[in-house]
Amino acid sequence: MAYLLASLVLLALTPGVAWAVQHFQKTSKIFALFLILLISYTIFAHIIWENMEVYGYWAALVAVAGAMVFAIGDDFFFAEGRKPATWMFWALIQVFLFFHATIDGAALVSTELVSPQAIASGHRHDQELSFSILMHRMLFEVFVWKFFHDRFGRKAALFVLVNIASGTLLGFFGSRALFAAVPNSFGLFEAFIGGALLHLVYDYCKDQLKRRLV
């Protein structure tokens, strides 16, 4: 529950964080690089690698699937210069963000709150995974706020934050029942989320490469 509350607080502070990023760009770039490195280490060392010891290559395949789903989604919806031209496209973006937030919310569940048998593998990564989710969302939500604020204004950006909050709450409370009913799935879910979080690393490296080539 603490990680859920922390994620909602960070979401509420997004406009202020976005303002700070804009006014303290050098410091923000250093902080962003630090978060990227920390997320990368946590995901590879504590989540994907250790789940591979239990699930073998299935964990790696699930992680790749997670990375591809969110990387493709980001490229499709948030390509440079992209502005939703129709209500249908606007609605699809909201569905994608809601789905994204639901997955994040599900990963914020502590296995101690689900059931004593929730982890069959003996590996527990709920703390590392939840912490990585918070770091990832700090960067992603600032980007989403700026994307919608610059194109549609403050009200539209606030609506998006409410959409993300709703998805987070649904994912958090829904996953408690899911993992209690299917306890053996949590390790593979961790691997999927680990891969999904790496889409942020992919986006960061892609942006840095573009800047160097320009």
Foldseek 3Di string as FASTA:
>chain_A
DVLLVLLLVLLVCLVVLLVVCVVVVVVNVVVLVVLLVLLLCLLVPQAQVVLCVVVNCLLVVLLQVLQVVQLVVCCVLPPVPDDDPDVVSVVVVLVVLLQVLLLLLLLQEAVVLQDPCLAVRPRGCSVSSSVNSSSLCSVVLNVLLCSCCVRPNDVRSVVSSVSSSVSNVCNNVVNSPVSNVVSHCVSSSSSSSSSNSCSSVVVVVVVVVVVVVD
